[in-house]
PDB file of all heavy atoms in Angstrom:
ATOM      1  N   ARG A   1       2.168   3.666  -1.835  1.00  0.00           N
ATOM      2  CA  ARG A   1       2.375   2.639  -0.806  1.00  0.00           C
ATOM      3  C   ARG A   1       1.666   1.340  -1.177  1.00  0.00           C
ATOM      4  O   ARG A   1       2.235   0.251  -1.052  1.00  0.00           O
ATOM      5  CB  ARG A   1       1.863   3.160   0.533  1.00  0.00           C
ATOM      6  CG  ARG A   1       2.027   2.198   1.706  1.00  0.00           C
ATOM      7  CD  ARG A   1       1.096   2.574   2.826  1.00  0.00           C
ATOM      8  NE  ARG A   1      -0.297   2.513   2.386  1.00  0.00           N
ATOM      9  CZ  ARG A   1      -1.269   3.260   2.898  1.00  0.00           C
ATOM     10  NH1 ARG A   1      -1.033   4.137   3.840  1.00  0.00           N
ATOM     11  NH2 ARG A   1      -2.512   3.134   2.433  1.00  0.00           N
ATOM     12  N   ASP A   2       0.426   1.445  -1.651  1.00  0.00           N
ATOM     13  CA  ASP A   2      -0.344   0.247  -1.978  1.00  0.00           C
ATOM     14  C   ASP A   2       0.187  -0.447  -3.221  1.00  0.00           C
ATOM     15  O   ASP A   2       0.135  -1.679  -3.328  1.00  0.00           O
ATOM     16  CB  ASP A   2      -1.819   0.610  -2.183  1.00  0.00           C
ATOM     17  CG  ASP A   2      -2.473   1.124  -0.908  1.00  0.00           C
ATOM     18  OD1 ASP A   2      -1.906   0.868   0.168  1.00  0.00           O
ATOM     19  OD2 ASP A   2      -3.521   1.777  -0.997  1.00  0.00           O
ATOM     20  N   MET A   3       0.712   0.322  -4.183  1.00  0.00           N
ATOM     21  CA  MET A   3       1.171  -0.261  -5.433  1.00  0.00           C
ATOM     22  C   MET A   3       2.595  -0.774  -5.341  1.00  0.00           C
ATOM     23  O   MET A   3       2.909  -1.863  -5.826  1.00  0.00           O
ATOM     24  CB  MET A   3       1.070   0.764  -6.561  1.00  0.00           C
ATOM     25  CG  MET A   3       1.539   0.228  -7.921  1.00  0.00           C
ATOM     26  SD  MET A   3       1.268   1.389  -9.285  1.00  0.00           S
ATOM     27  CE  MET A   3       2.328   2.744  -8.814  1.00  0.00           C
ATOM     28  N   LEU A   4       3.476  -0.009  -4.695  1.00  0.00           N
ATOM     29  CA  LEU A   4       4.906  -0.323  -4.702  1.00  0.00           C
ATOM     30  C   LEU A   4       5.421  -0.849  -3.368  1.00  0.00           C
ATOM     31  O   LEU A   4       6.591  -1.233  -3.281  1.00  0.00           O
ATOM     32  CB  LEU A   4       5.712   0.924  -5.088  1.00  0.00           C
ATOM     33  CG  LEU A   4       5.344   1.593  -6.421  1.00  0.00           C
ATOM     34  CD1 LEU A   4       6.232   2.803  -6.649  1.00  0.00           C
ATOM     35  CD2 LEU A   4       5.471   0.606  -7.571  1.00  0.00           C
ATOM     36  N   GLY A   5       4.588  -0.853  -2.327  1.00  0.00           N
ATOM     37  CA  GLY A   5       5.074  -1.290  -1.024  1.00  0.00           C
ATOM     38  C   GLY A   5       6.128  -0.363  -0.464  1.00  0.00           C
ATOM     39  O   GLY A   5       7.009  -0.785   0.278  1.00  0.00           O
ATOM     40  N   LEU A   6       6.029   0.922  -0.804  1.00  0.00           N
ATOM     41  CA  LEU A   6       7.027   1.906  -0.398  1.00  0.00           C
ATOM     42  C   LEU A   6       6.318   3.111   0.198  1.00  0.00           C
ATOM     43  O   LEU A   6       5.483   3.745  -0.459  1.00  0.00           O
ATOM     44  CB  LEU A   6       7.862   2.332  -1.613  1.00  0.00           C
ATOM     45  CG  LEU A   6       8.995   3.322  -1.362  1.00  0.00           C
ATOM     46  CD1 LEU A   6      10.117   2.665  -0.567  1.00  0.00           C
ATOM     47  CD2 LEU A   6       9.533   3.857  -2.687  1.00  0.00           C
ATOM     48  N   ASP A   7       6.620   3.439   1.440  1.00  0.00           N
ATOM     49  CA  ASP A   7       6.019   4.582   2.103  1.00  0.00           C
ATOM     50  C   ASP A   7       6.996   5.744   2.059  1.00  0.00           C
ATOM     51  O   ASP A   7       8.072   5.689   2.667  1.00  0.00           O
ATOM     52  CB  ASP A   7       5.667   4.235   3.553  1.00  0.00           C
ATOM     53  CG  ASP A   7       4.832   5.322   4.215  1.00  0.00           C
ATOM     54  OD1 ASP A   7       4.312   6.188   3.496  1.00  0.00           O
ATOM     55  OD2 ASP A   7       4.700   5.303   5.453  1.00  0.00           O
ATOM     56  N   VAL A   8       6.650   6.777   1.315  1.00  0.00           N
ATOM     57  CA  VAL A   8       7.539   7.926   1.166  1.00  0.00           C
ATOM     58  C   VAL A   8       6.807   9.185   1.600  1.00  0.00           C
ATOM     59  O   VAL A   8       5.585   9.308   1.433  1.00  0.00           O
ATOM     60  CB  VAL A   8       8.024   8.088  -0.289  1.00  0.00           C
ATOM     61  CG1 VAL A   8       8.937   6.948  -0.673  1.00  0.00           C
ATOM     62  CG2 VAL A   8       6.846   8.166  -1.260  1.00  0.00           C
ATOM     63  N   ASP A   9       7.552  10.122   2.160  1.00  0.00           N
ATOM     64  CA  ASP A   9       6.999  11.419   2.533  1.00  0.00           C
ATOM     65  C   ASP A   9       7.108  12.334   1.318  1.00  0.00           C
ATOM     66  O   ASP A   9       8.193  12.777   0.955  1.00  0.00           O
ATOM     67  CB  ASP A   9       7.772  11.991   3.716  1.00  0.00           C
ATOM     68  CG  ASP A   9       7.204  13.325   4.187  1.00  0.00           C
ATOM     69  OD1 ASP A   9       6.144  13.729   3.663  1.00  0.00           O
ATOM     70  OD2 ASP A   9       7.817  13.961   5.058  1.00  0.00           O
ATOM     71  N   VAL A  10       5.973  12.601   0.677  1.00  0.00           N
ATOM     72  CA  VAL A  10       5.991  13.387  -0.558  1.00  0.00           C
ATOM     73  C   VAL A  10       5.849  14.881  -0.288  1.00  0.00           C
ATOM     74  O   VAL A  10       5.808  15.672  -1.231  1.00  0.00           O
ATOM     75  CB  VAL A  10       4.866  12.923  -1.515  1.00  0.00           C
ATOM     76  CG1 VAL A  10       5.067  11.473  -1.900  1.00  0.00           C
ATOM     77  CG2 VAL A  10       3.494  13.131  -0.893  1.00  0.00           C
ATOM     78  N   SER A  11       5.779  15.280   0.977  1.00  0.00           N
ATOM     79  CA  SER A  11       5.604  16.702   1.283  1.00  0.00           C
ATOM     80  C   SER A  11       6.799  17.531   0.823  1.00  0.00           C
ATOM     81  O   SER A  11       6.652  18.725   0.551  1.00  0.00           O
ATOM     82  CB  SER A  11       5.381  16.900   2.784  1.00  0.00           C
ATOM     83  OG  SER A  11       6.473  16.408   3.524  1.00  0.00           O
ATOM     84  N   SER A  12       7.979  16.909   0.748  1.00  0.00           N
ATOM     85  CA  SER A  12       9.157  17.632   0.273  1.00  0.00           C
ATOM     86  C   SER A  12       9.259  17.616  -1.244  1.00  0.00           C
ATOM     87  O   SER A  12      10.106  18.322  -1.814  1.00  0.00           O
ATOM     88  CB  SER A  12      10.426  17.021   0.878  1.00  0.00           C
ATOM     89  OG  SER A  12      10.564  15.665   0.489  1.00  0.00           O
ATOM     90  N   MET A  13       8.422  16.819  -1.916  1.00  0.00           N
ATOM     91  CA  MET A  13       8.475  16.707  -3.371  1.00  0.00           C
ATOM     92  C   MET A  13       7.374  17.504  -4.063  1.00  0.00           C
ATOM     93  O   MET A  13       7.561  17.983  -5.180  1.00  0.00           O
ATOM     94  CB  MET A  13       8.349  15.235  -3.789  1.00  0.00           C
ATOM     95  CG  MET A  13       9.332  14.301  -3.134  1.00  0.00           C
ATOM     96  SD  MET A  13       9.039  12.581  -3.651  1.00  0.00           S
ATOM     97  CE  MET A  13      10.056  11.697  -2.478  1.00  0.00           C
ATOM     98  N   LEU A  14       6.214  17.641  -3.399  1.00  0.00           N
ATOM     99  CA  LEU A  14       5.061  18.293  -4.004  1.00  0.00           C
ATOM    100  C   LEU A  14       4.569  19.415  -3.100  1.00  0.00           C
ATOM    101  O   LEU A  14       4.635  19.293  -1.879  1.00  0.00           O
ATOM    102  CB  LEU A  14       3.924  17.287  -4.231  1.00  0.00           C
ATOM    103  CG  LEU A  14       4.238  16.080  -5.122  1.00  0.00           C
ATOM    104  CD1 LEU A  14       3.079  15.093  -5.094  1.00  0.00           C
ATOM    105  CD2 LEU A  14       4.529  16.514  -6.547  1.00  0.00           C
ATOM    106  N   PRO A  15       4.073  20.505  -3.676  1.00  0.00           N
ATOM    107  CA  PRO A  15       3.563  21.604  -2.841  1.00  0.00           C
ATOM    108  C   PRO A  15       2.272  21.207  -2.139  1.00  0.00           C
ATOM    109  O   PRO A  15       1.593  20.253  -2.530  1.00  0.00           O
ATOM    110  CB  PRO A  15       3.314  22.728  -3.866  1.00  0.00           C
ATOM    111  CG  PRO A  15       3.089  22.015  -5.160  1.00  0.00           C
ATOM    112  CD  PRO A  15       3.961  20.792  -5.123  1.00  0.00           C
ATOM    113  N   ALA A  16       1.933  21.960  -1.116  1.00  0.00           N
ATOM    114  CA  ALA A  16       0.700  21.686  -0.365  1.00  0.00           C
ATOM    115  C   ALA A  16      -0.515  21.887  -1.268  1.00  0.00           C
ATOM    116  O   ALA A  16      -0.511  22.722  -2.173  1.00  0.00           O
ATOM    117  CB  ALA A  16       0.622  22.600   0.851  1.00  0.00           C
ATOM    118  N   ASP A  17      -1.558  21.098  -1.023  1.00  0.00           N
ATOM    119  CA  ASP A  17      -2.784  21.188  -1.819  1.00  0.00           C
ATOM    120  C   ASP A  17      -3.656  22.339  -1.333  1.00  0.00           C
ATOM    121  O   ASP A  17      -3.714  22.633  -0.135  1.00  0.00           O
ATOM    122  CB  ASP A  17      -3.575  19.876  -1.711  1.00  0.00           C
ATOM    123  CG  ASP A  17      -2.802  18.686  -2.254  1.00  0.00           C
ATOM    124  OD1 ASP A  17      -2.418  18.727  -3.434  1.00  0.00           O
ATOM    125  OD2 ASP A  17      -2.587  17.728  -1.499  1.00  0.00           O
ATOM    126  N   ASP A  18      -4.336  22.986  -2.291  1.00  0.00           N
ATOM    127  CA  ASP A  18      -5.304  24.014  -1.927  1.00  0.00           C
ATOM    128  C   ASP A  18      -6.498  23.369  -1.229  1.00  0.00           C
ATOM    129  O   ASP A  18      -6.797  22.192  -1.444  1.00  0.00           O
ATOM    130  CB  ASP A  18      -5.776  24.766  -3.173  1.00  0.00           C
ATOM    131  CG  ASP A  18      -4.663  25.611  -3.778  1.00  0.00           C
ATOM    132  OD1 ASP A  18      -3.808  26.079  -3.013  1.00  0.00           O
ATOM    133  OD2 ASP A  18      -4.656  25.796  -5.015  1.00  0.00           O
ATOM    134  N   MET A  19      -7.182  24.167  -0.416  1.00  0.00           N
ATOM    135  CA  MET A  19      -8.316  23.653   0.350  1.00  0.00           C
ATOM    136  C   MET A  19      -9.587  24.388  -0.047  1.00  0.00           C
ATOM    137  O   MET A  19      -9.556  25.552  -0.460  1.00  0.00           O
ATOM    138  CB  MET A  19      -8.073  23.800   1.850  1.00  0.00           C
ATOM    139  CG  MET A  19      -6.840  23.058   2.345  1.00  0.00           C
ATOM    140  SD  MET A  19      -6.670  23.106   4.139  1.00  0.00           S
ATOM    141  CE  MET A  19      -7.985  22.018   4.641  1.00  0.00           C
ATOM    142  N   SER A  20     -10.715  23.683   0.091  1.00  0.00           N
ATOM    143  CA  SER A  20     -12.026  24.265  -0.145  1.00  0.00           C
ATOM    144  C   SER A  20     -12.972  23.776   0.935  1.00  0.00           C
ATOM    145  O   SER A  20     -13.102  22.563   1.133  1.00  0.00           O
ATOM    146  CB  SER A  20     -12.547  23.866  -1.532  1.00  0.00           C
ATOM    147  OG  SER A  20     -13.873  24.332  -1.734  1.00  0.00           O
ATOM    148  N   HIS A  21     -13.571  24.706   1.674  1.00  0.00           N
ATOM    149  CA  HIS A  21     -14.481  24.369   2.766  1.00  0.00           C
ATOM    150  C   HIS A  21     -13.810  23.446   3.793  1.00  0.00           C
ATOM    151  O   HIS A  21     -14.448  22.570   4.369  1.00  0.00           O
ATOM    152  CB  HIS A  21     -15.751  23.708   2.234  1.00  0.00           C
ATOM    153  CG  HIS A  21     -16.552  24.592   1.327  1.00  0.00           C
ATOM    154  ND1 HIS A  21     -16.294  24.685  -0.027  1.00  0.00           N
ATOM    155  CD2 HIS A  21     -17.599  25.422   1.568  1.00  0.00           C
ATOM    156  CE1 HIS A  21     -17.154  25.538  -0.578  1.00  0.00           C
ATOM    157  NE2 HIS A  21     -17.946  26.010   0.367  1.00  0.00           N
ATOM    158  N   GLY A  22     -12.514  23.625   3.990  1.00  0.00           N
ATOM    159  CA  GLY A  22     -11.791  22.853   4.990  1.00  0.00           C
ATOM    160  C   GLY A  22     -11.283  21.505   4.516  1.00  0.00           C
ATOM    161  O   GLY A  22     -10.702  20.761   5.301  1.00  0.00           O
ATOM    162  N   PHE A  23     -11.488  21.171   3.235  1.00  0.00           N
ATOM    163  CA  PHE A  23     -11.050  19.879   2.711  1.00  0.00           C
ATOM    164  C   PHE A  23     -10.006  20.090   1.616  1.00  0.00           C
ATOM    165  O   PHE A  23     -10.106  21.035   0.817  1.00  0.00           O
ATOM    166  CB  PHE A  23     -12.238  19.091   2.150  1.00  0.00           C
ATOM    167  CG  PHE A  23     -13.265  18.710   3.173  1.00  0.00           C
ATOM    168  CD1 PHE A  23     -14.368  19.517   3.412  1.00  0.00           C
ATOM    169  CD2 PHE A  23     -13.115  17.552   3.916  1.00  0.00           C
ATOM    170  CE1 PHE A  23     -15.310  19.173   4.369  1.00  0.00           C
ATOM    171  CE2 PHE A  23     -14.054  17.200   4.875  1.00  0.00           C
ATOM    172  CZ  PHE A  23     -15.145  18.009   5.103  1.00  0.00           C
ATOM    173  N   ASP A  24      -9.013  19.184   1.569  1.00  0.00           N
ATOM    174  CA  ASP A  24      -7.972  19.293   0.550  1.00  0.00           C
ATOM    175  C   ASP A  24      -8.116  18.231  -0.540  1.00  0.00           C
ATOM    176  O   ASP A  24      -7.148  17.959  -1.265  1.00  0.00           O
ATOM    177  CB  ASP A  24      -6.580  19.204   1.182  1.00  0.00           C
ATOM    178  CG  ASP A  24      -6.311  17.860   1.839  1.00  0.00           C
ATOM    179  OD1 ASP A  24      -7.231  17.012   1.868  1.00  0.00           O
ATOM    180  OD2 ASP A  24      -5.177  17.641   2.308  1.00  0.00           O
ATOM    181  N   ASN A  25      -9.304  17.634  -0.666  1.00  0.00           N
ATOM    182  CA  ASN A  25      -9.531  16.647  -1.727  1.00  0.00           C
ATOM    183  C   ASN A  25     -10.723  17.040  -2.599  1.00  0.00           C
ATOM    184  O   ASN A  25     -11.421  16.185  -3.139  1.00  0.00           O
ATOM    185  CB  ASN A  25      -9.750  15.248  -1.128  1.00  0.00           C
ATOM    186  CG  ASN A  25     -10.973  15.180  -0.224  1.00  0.00           C
ATOM    187  OD1 ASN A  25     -11.512  16.211   0.182  1.00  0.00           O
ATOM    188  ND2 ASN A  25     -11.403  13.980   0.091  1.00  0.00           N
ATOM    189  N   MET A  26     -10.950  18.336  -2.741  1.00  0.00           N
ATOM    190  CA  MET A  26     -12.043  18.843  -3.567  1.00  0.00           C
ATOM    191  C   MET A  26     -11.530  19.063  -4.988  1.00  0.00           C
ATOM    192  O   MET A  26     -10.577  19.816  -5.219  1.00  0.00           O
ATOM    193  CB  MET A  26     -12.589  20.157  -2.994  1.00  0.00           C
ATOM    194  CG  MET A  26     -13.004  20.049  -1.524  1.00  0.00           C
ATOM    195  SD  MET A  26     -14.412  18.958  -1.271  1.00  0.00           S
ATOM    196  CE  MET A  26     -15.735  20.023  -1.786  1.00  0.00           C
ATOM    197  N   ALA A  27     -12.185  18.424  -5.947  1.00  0.00           N
ATOM    198  CA  ALA A  27     -11.704  18.438  -7.325  1.00  0.00           C
ATOM    199  C   ALA A  27     -11.625  19.847  -7.900  1.00  0.00           C
ATOM    200  O   ALA A  27     -10.723  20.144  -8.703  1.00  0.00           O
ATOM    201  CB  ALA A  27     -12.599  17.562  -8.198  1.00  0.00           C
ATOM    202  N   ASP A  28     -12.537  20.739  -7.490  1.00  0.00           N
ATOM    203  CA  ASP A  28     -12.578  22.054  -8.122  1.00  0.00           C
ATOM    204  C   ASP A  28     -11.369  22.917  -7.784  1.00  0.00           C
ATOM    205  O   ASP A  28     -11.095  23.894  -8.495  1.00  0.00           O
ATOM    206  CB  ASP A  28     -13.871  22.789  -7.752  1.00  0.00           C
ATOM    207  CG  ASP A  28     -14.057  22.922  -6.256  1.00  0.00           C
ATOM    208  OD1 ASP A  28     -13.402  22.170  -5.521  1.00  0.00           O
ATOM    209  OD2 ASP A  28     -14.863  23.771  -5.817  1.00  0.00           O
ATOM    210  N   VAL A  29     -10.633  22.600  -6.725  1.00  0.00           N
ATOM    211  CA  VAL A  29      -9.433  23.388  -6.390  1.00  0.00           C
ATOM    212  C   VAL A  29      -8.146  22.607  -6.589  1.00  0.00           C
ATOM    213  O   VAL A  29      -7.059  23.160  -6.434  1.00  0.00           O
ATOM    214  CB  VAL A  29      -9.502  23.909  -4.937  1.00  0.00           C
ATOM    215  CG1 VAL A  29     -10.670  24.863  -4.764  1.00  0.00           C
ATOM    216  CG2 VAL A  29      -9.579  22.772  -3.941  1.00  0.00           C
ATOM    217  N   LEU A  30      -8.252  21.321  -6.927  1.00  0.00           N
ATOM    218  CA  LEU A  30      -7.043  20.527  -7.180  1.00  0.00           C
ATOM    219  C   LEU A  30      -6.626  20.729  -8.635  1.00  0.00           C
ATOM    220  O   LEU A  30      -6.693  19.825  -9.464  1.00  0.00           O
ATOM    221  CB  LEU A  30      -7.302  19.049  -6.890  1.00  0.00           C
ATOM    222  CG  LEU A  30      -7.460  18.694  -5.406  1.00  0.00           C
ATOM    223  CD1 LEU A  30      -7.857  17.235  -5.240  1.00  0.00           C
ATOM    224  CD2 LEU A  30      -6.178  18.972  -4.637  1.00  0.00           C
ATOM    225  N   THR A  31      -6.200  21.927  -8.922  1.00  0.00           N
ATOM    226  CA  THR A  31      -5.823  22.285 -10.282  1.00  0.00           C
ATOM    227  C   THR A  31      -4.409  21.794 -10.587  1.00  0.00           C
ATOM    228  O   THR A  31      -3.687  21.330  -9.700  1.00  0.00           O
ATOM    229  CB  THR A  31      -5.907  23.802 -10.474  1.00  0.00           C
ATOM    230  OG1 THR A  31      -5.090  24.443  -9.466  1.00  0.00           O
ATOM    231  CG2 THR A  31      -7.340  24.287 -10.312  1.00  0.00           C
ATOM    232  N   ILE A  32      -4.016  21.921 -11.836  1.00  0.00           N
ATOM    233  CA  ILE A  32      -2.690  21.491 -12.272  1.00  0.00           C
ATOM    234  C   ILE A  32      -2.037  22.641 -13.022  1.00  0.00           C
ATOM    235  O   ILE A  32      -2.703  23.409 -13.711  1.00  0.00           O
ATOM    236  CB  ILE A  32      -2.783  20.228 -13.174  1.00  0.00           C
ATOM    237  CG1 ILE A  32      -1.396  19.601 -13.401  1.00  0.00           C
ATOM    238  CG2 ILE A  32      -3.476  20.537 -14.480  1.00  0.00           C
ATOM    239  CD1 ILE A  32      -0.835  18.911 -12.205  1.00  0.00           C
ATOM    240  N   SER A  33      -0.751  22.793 -12.839  1.00  0.00           N
ATOM    241  CA  SER A  33       0.025  23.822 -13.534  1.00  0.00           C
ATOM    242  C   SER A  33       1.271  23.173 -14.102  1.00  0.00           C
ATOM    243  O   SER A  33       1.656  22.071 -13.695  1.00  0.00           O
ATOM    244  CB  SER A  33       0.406  24.944 -12.569  1.00  0.00           C
ATOM    245  OG  SER A  33       1.295  24.446 -11.566  1.00  0.00           O
ATOM    246  N   PRO A  34       1.942  23.820 -15.065  1.00  0.00           N
ATOM    247  CA  PRO A  34       3.195  23.244 -15.587  1.00  0.00           C
ATOM    248  C   PRO A  34       4.221  22.984 -14.491  1.00  0.00           C
ATOM    249  O   PRO A  34       4.905  21.953 -14.495  1.00  0.00           O
ATOM    250  CB  PRO A  34       3.673  24.313 -16.577  1.00  0.00           C
ATOM    251  CG  PRO A  34       2.419  25.001 -17.027  1.00  0.00           C
ATOM    252  CD  PRO A  34       1.527  25.014 -15.816  1.00  0.00           C
ATOM    253  N   ALA A  35       4.315  23.894 -13.513  1.00  0.00           N
ATOM    254  CA  ALA A  35       5.278  23.702 -12.425  1.00  0.00           C
ATOM    255  C   ALA A  35       4.909  22.492 -11.573  1.00  0.00           C
ATOM    256  O   ALA A  35       5.785  21.714 -11.158  1.00  0.00           O
ATOM    257  CB  ALA A  35       5.345  24.958 -11.557  1.00  0.00           C
ATOM    258  N   LEU A  36       3.605  22.317 -11.302  1.00  0.00           N
ATOM    259  CA  LEU A  36       3.179  21.174 -10.489  1.00  0.00           C
ATOM    260  C   LEU A  36       3.397  19.868 -11.253  1.00  0.00           C
ATOM    261  O   LEU A  36       3.797  18.863 -10.659  1.00  0.00           O
ATOM    262  CB  LEU A  36       1.712  21.329 -10.107  1.00  0.00           C
ATOM    263  CG  LEU A  36       1.124  20.229  -9.220  1.00  0.00           C
ATOM    264  CD1 LEU A  36       1.923  20.076  -7.926  1.00  0.00           C
ATOM    265  CD2 LEU A  36      -0.339  20.514  -8.892  1.00  0.00           C
ATOM    266  N   MET A  37       3.138  19.873 -12.554  1.00  0.00           N
ATOM    267  CA  MET A  37       3.368  18.660 -13.344  1.00  0.00           C
ATOM    268  C   MET A  37       4.844  18.289 -13.348  1.00  0.00           C
ATOM    269  O   MET A  37       5.201  17.108 -13.274  1.00  0.00           O
ATOM    270  CB  MET A  37       2.866  18.875 -14.773  1.00  0.00           C
ATOM    271  CG  MET A  37       2.611  17.585 -15.526  1.00  0.00           C
ATOM    272  SD  MET A  37       1.285  16.623 -14.788  1.00  0.00           S
ATOM    273  CE  MET A  37       1.948  14.956 -14.893  1.00  0.00           C
TER     274      MET A  37
END
């Protein structure tokens, strides 16, 4: 949104993020897989 001026709902494009201690922005669980890439 900030770069392209376009607000898109990415929930249909990317799977839900894993959570750690109630947060979904913890680096240790934001892993990457070939399917996610």
